């Protein structure tokens, strides 16, 4: 949303020199996007509790970036991580999104999953 026009004002065709499409939303509600309240971006295809820990750290980050992009494509503009697989996995994903290197929602990164010994391959 680049601008909000009051009723009766002319709809612009450009804002700050950039062409834009104006959408008349009179009588409608606008929400900025959905919030994923329990995300595990680095988890994928888990059949056993040890599967996330068996994934190499580099692949875990790539899986996290891929899944963050999927969240954004599905309309989620924010996500709260419930836990990562490894230290720094979620912060790295968040940092790449924030730097514009990868698509994804605003991500509140979390620490690694706290589990019983052996559940994440430790």
Foldseek 3Di string as FASTA:
>chain_A
DQDDDDPPDDFDQDDPPHGDDDDDQPPHDDDQFAEAEEDAQLDDDDPALQVQLVDPLVSSLVSSLVSQQVCVVVGHQEYEYNAYLAACSQVVSQVCCVVVVGPGHNYDGDYHDDDDPCRHPD
